[in-house]
Amino acid sequence: MSWLEKWTKRMMLSVGILGVVIIYSGFIYLLLSGRSVAVLPWYLLLSPWICIFFGLDHARQFRVITWFVRRFKH
């Protein structure tokens, strides 16, 4: 794996984790303050998880996919 690929994966992982913290804190704040969250698109809550997934190495990505398949197969 080249240094550029490693750096890109680390950056994706960092952006994803930071995105989860910021977006979900804002989402919880809106819920608790009684404001409407209807204006938030669903992909806004999903996008940081996509960054985290692509920031993982290939073995962990495979384990995540396997977990999802087993989880939703039942």
C-alpha atoms as a PDB file:
ATOM      1  CA  MET A   1       0.000   0.000   0.000  1.00  0.00           C
ATOM      2  CA  SER A   2       1.484   3.318  -1.023  1.00  0.00           C
ATOM      3  CA  TRP A   3       1.893   6.263   1.316  1.00  0.00           C
ATOM      4  CA  LEU A   4      -0.797   8.168  -0.581  1.00  0.00           C
ATOM      5  CA  GLU A   5      -3.339   5.391  -0.103  1.00  0.00           C
ATOM      6  CA  LYS A   6      -2.504   5.115   3.610  1.00  0.00           C
ATOM      7  CA  TRP A   7      -2.786   8.870   4.051  1.00  0.00           C
ATOM      8  CA  THR A   8      -6.097   8.966   2.160  1.00  0.00           C
ATOM      9  CA  LYS A   9      -7.551   6.133   4.262  1.00  0.00           C
ATOM     10  CA  ARG A  10      -6.493   7.839   7.491  1.00  0.00           C
ATOM     11  CA  MET A  11      -8.001  11.104   6.308  1.00  0.00           C
ATOM     12  CA  MET A  12     -11.287   9.377   5.371  1.00  0.00           C
ATOM     13  CA  LEU A  13     -11.385   7.692   8.776  1.00  0.00           C
ATOM     14  CA  SER A  14     -10.692  10.985  10.586  1.00  0.00           C
ATOM     15  CA  VAL A  15     -13.275  12.912   8.568  1.00  0.00           C
ATOM     16  CA  GLY A  16     -15.822  10.148   9.125  1.00  0.00           C
ATOM     17  CA  ILE A  17     -15.326  10.033  12.891  1.00  0.00           C
ATOM     18  CA  LEU A  18     -15.433  13.813  13.160  1.00  0.00           C
ATOM     19  CA  GLY A  19     -18.532  13.846  10.942  1.00  0.00           C
ATOM     20  CA  VAL A  20     -20.321  11.324  13.159  1.00  0.00           C
ATOM     21  CA  VAL A  21     -19.577  13.390  16.256  1.00  0.00           C
ATOM     22  CA  ILE A  22     -20.599  16.736  14.740  1.00  0.00           C
ATOM     23  CA  ILE A  23     -23.619  15.638  12.697  1.00  0.00           C
ATOM     24  CA  TYR A  24     -25.115  13.345  15.334  1.00  0.00           C
ATOM     25  CA  SER A  25     -24.562  15.916  18.124  1.00  0.00           C
ATOM     26  CA  GLY A  26     -26.424  18.479  16.044  1.00  0.00           C
ATOM     27  CA  PHE A  27     -29.145  15.954  15.264  1.00  0.00           C
ATOM     28  CA  ILE A  28     -29.589  15.095  18.951  1.00  0.00           C
ATOM     29  CA  TYR A  29     -29.584  18.801  19.845  1.00  0.00           C
ATOM     30  CA  LEU A  30     -32.359  19.449  17.326  1.00  0.00           C
ATOM     31  CA  LEU A  31     -34.368  16.512  18.666  1.00  0.00           C
ATOM     32  CA  LEU A  32     -34.005  17.572  22.301  1.00  0.00           C
ATOM     33  CA  SER A  33     -34.713  21.243  21.615  1.00  0.00           C
ATOM     34  CA  GLY A  34     -38.001  20.380  19.937  1.00  0.00           C
ATOM     35  CA  ARG A  35     -37.068  21.691  16.510  1.00  0.00           C
ATOM     36  CA  SER A  36     -38.041  19.822  13.383  1.00  0.00           C
ATOM     37  CA  VAL A  37     -35.505  17.451  11.892  1.00  0.00           C
ATOM     38  CA  ALA A  38     -37.658  16.853   8.817  1.00  0.00           C
ATOM     39  CA  VAL A  39     -35.480  19.160   6.737  1.00  0.00           C
ATOM     40  CA  LEU A  40     -32.408  16.929   7.214  1.00  0.00           C
ATOM     41  CA  PRO A  41     -31.923  14.520   4.315  1.00  0.00           C
ATOM     42  CA  TRP A  42     -31.326  10.881   5.269  1.00  0.00           C
ATOM     43  CA  TYR A  43     -27.979  10.748   3.472  1.00  0.00           C
ATOM     44  CA  LEU A  44     -26.629  13.441   5.804  1.00  0.00           C
ATOM     45  CA  LEU A  45     -26.776  10.925   8.653  1.00  0.00           C
ATOM     46  CA  LEU A  46     -25.336   8.139   6.496  1.00  0.00           C
ATOM     47  CA  SER A  47     -22.422   9.922   4.816  1.00  0.00           C
ATOM     48  CA  PRO A  48     -19.939   9.912   7.742  1.00  0.00           C
ATOM     49  CA  TRP A  49     -20.358   6.145   8.054  1.00  0.00           C
ATOM     50  CA  ILE A  50     -19.430   5.762   4.389  1.00  0.00           C
ATOM     51  CA  CYS A  51     -16.245   7.751   5.047  1.00  0.00           C
ATOM     52  CA  ILE A  52     -15.450   5.515   8.017  1.00  0.00           C
ATOM     53  CA  PHE A  53     -16.051   2.365   5.946  1.00  0.00           C
ATOM     54  CA  PHE A  54     -13.718   3.458   3.159  1.00  0.00           C
ATOM     55  CA  GLY A  55     -11.141   4.557   5.732  1.00  0.00           C
ATOM     56  CA  LEU A  56     -10.832   1.002   7.042  1.00  0.00           C
ATOM     57  CA  ASP A  57      -8.337  -1.481   5.663  1.00  0.00           C
ATOM     58  CA  HIS A  58      -9.568  -4.229   3.323  1.00  0.00           C
ATOM     59  CA  ALA A  59      -9.762  -6.924   6.007  1.00  0.00           C
ATOM     60  CA  ARG A  60     -11.958  -4.768   8.243  1.00  0.00           C
ATOM     61  CA  GLN A  61     -14.133  -3.760   5.291  1.00  0.00           C
ATOM     62  CA  PHE A  62     -14.675  -7.443   4.546  1.00  0.00           C
ATOM     63  CA  ARG A  63     -15.570  -8.124   8.199  1.00  0.00           C
ATOM     64  CA  VAL A  64     -18.076  -5.248   8.170  1.00  0.00           C
ATOM     65  CA  ILE A  65     -19.729  -6.597   5.018  1.00  0.00           C
ATOM     66  CA  THR A  66     -19.819 -10.105   6.504  1.00  0.00           C
ATOM     67  CA  TRP A  67     -21.376  -8.743   9.708  1.00  0.00           C
ATOM     68  CA  PHE A  68     -24.074  -6.899   7.725  1.00  0.00           C
ATOM     69  CA  VAL A  69     -24.887  -9.994   5.678  1.00  0.00           C
ATOM     70  CA  ARG A  70     -25.187 -12.163   8.801  1.00  0.00           C
ATOM     71  CA  ARG A  71     -27.120  -9.464  10.662  1.00  0.00           C
ATOM     72  CA  PHE A  72     -29.784  -8.953   8.003  1.00  0.00           C
ATOM     73  CA  LYS A  73     -29.978 -12.544   6.786  1.00  0.00           C
ATOM     74  CA  HIS A  74     -31.995 -13.678   9.817  1.00  0.00           C
END
